[in-house]
């Protein structure tokens, strides 16, 4: 539950949109 958030925090500049990744991961959960 807190693993996906950590992944995003480690890569805040993956595509200039860390929020998009967080939303995608939350939807899968």
N, C-alpha and C. Protein backbone atom coordinates (compact mmCIF):
# COMPACT_ATOMS: atom_id res chain seq x y z
N UNK A 1 0.84 -1.20 0.00
CA UNK A 1 0.00 0.00 0.00
C UNK A 1 0.88 1.25 0.00
N UNK A 2 2.04 1.14 0.61
CA UNK A 2 2.94 2.32 0.66
C UNK A 2 4.18 2.08 -0.18
N UNK A 3 4.16 0.98 -0.93
CA UNK A 3 5.34 0.69 -1.76
C UNK A 3 5.32 1.50 -3.06
N UNK A 4 4.18 1.59 -3.73
CA UNK A 4 4.08 2.35 -4.98
C UNK A 4 4.41 3.82 -4.77
N UNK A 5 3.99 4.36 -3.66
CA UNK A 5 4.25 5.79 -3.38
C UNK A 5 5.75 6.02 -3.24
N UNK A 6 6.42 5.06 -2.61
CA UNK A 6 7.87 5.19 -2.41
C UNK A 6 8.58 5.19 -3.76
N UNK A 7 8.09 4.34 -4.65
CA UNK A 7 8.71 4.20 -5.98
C UNK A 7 8.65 5.54 -6.70
N UNK A 8 7.54 6.23 -6.55
CA UNK A 8 7.37 7.52 -7.22
C UNK A 8 8.28 8.56 -6.57
N UNK A 9 8.39 8.49 -5.28
CA UNK A 9 9.22 9.45 -4.55
C UNK A 9 10.68 9.30 -4.95
N UNK A 10 11.07 8.08 -5.26
CA UNK A 10 12.46 7.83 -5.65
C UNK A 10 12.71 8.35 -7.07
N UNK A 11 11.65 8.48 -7.85
CA UNK A 11 11.80 8.95 -9.24
C UNK A 11 10.82 10.09 -9.49
N UNK A 12 11.06 11.23 -8.93
CA UNK A 12 10.15 12.37 -9.07
C UNK A 12 10.20 12.96 -10.47
N UNK A 13 11.25 12.66 -11.22
CA UNK A 13 11.39 13.24 -12.57
C UNK A 13 11.39 12.15 -13.62
N UNK A 14 10.52 11.19 -13.48
CA UNK A 14 10.48 10.08 -14.44
C UNK A 14 10.04 10.62 -15.81
N UNK A 15 8.93 11.34 -15.82
CA UNK A 15 8.44 11.90 -17.10
C UNK A 15 7.91 13.31 -16.87
N UNK A 16 8.40 13.94 -15.82
CA UNK A 16 7.93 15.30 -15.54
C UNK A 16 6.52 15.27 -14.97
N UNK A 17 6.00 14.07 -14.70
CA UNK A 17 4.63 13.99 -14.14
C UNK A 17 4.53 12.80 -13.18
N UNK A 18 5.06 12.95 -12.00
CA UNK A 18 5.06 11.88 -10.99
C UNK A 18 3.64 11.56 -10.53
N UNK A 19 2.75 12.51 -10.68
CA UNK A 19 1.36 12.32 -10.23
C UNK A 19 0.66 11.27 -11.10
N UNK A 20 1.01 11.25 -12.36
CA UNK A 20 0.37 10.31 -13.30
C UNK A 20 0.70 8.87 -12.89
N UNK A 21 1.93 8.65 -12.50
CA UNK A 21 2.36 7.30 -12.11
C UNK A 21 1.65 6.87 -10.84
N UNK A 22 1.55 7.79 -9.91
CA UNK A 22 0.90 7.47 -8.63
C UNK A 22 -0.56 7.08 -8.87
N UNK A 23 -1.21 7.79 -9.77
CA UNK A 23 -2.63 7.51 -10.04
C UNK A 23 -2.75 6.14 -10.73
N UNK A 24 -1.85 5.85 -11.61
CA UNK A 24 -1.88 4.58 -12.34
C UNK A 24 -1.70 3.43 -11.37
N UNK A 25 -0.79 3.61 -10.44
CA UNK A 25 -0.46 2.54 -9.48
C UNK A 25 -1.67 2.38 -8.52
N UNK A 26 -2.27 3.46 -8.14
CA UNK A 26 -3.39 3.39 -7.19
C UNK A 26 -4.58 2.68 -7.85
N UNK A 27 -4.74 2.88 -9.13
CA UNK A 27 -5.87 2.25 -9.85
C UNK A 27 -5.67 0.73 -9.87
N UNK A 28 -4.45 0.31 -10.02
CA UNK A 28 -4.14 -1.14 -10.10
C UNK A 28 -4.45 -1.78 -8.74
N UNK A 29 -4.18 -1.04 -7.67
CA UNK A 29 -4.41 -1.60 -6.33
C UNK A 29 -5.92 -1.73 -6.12
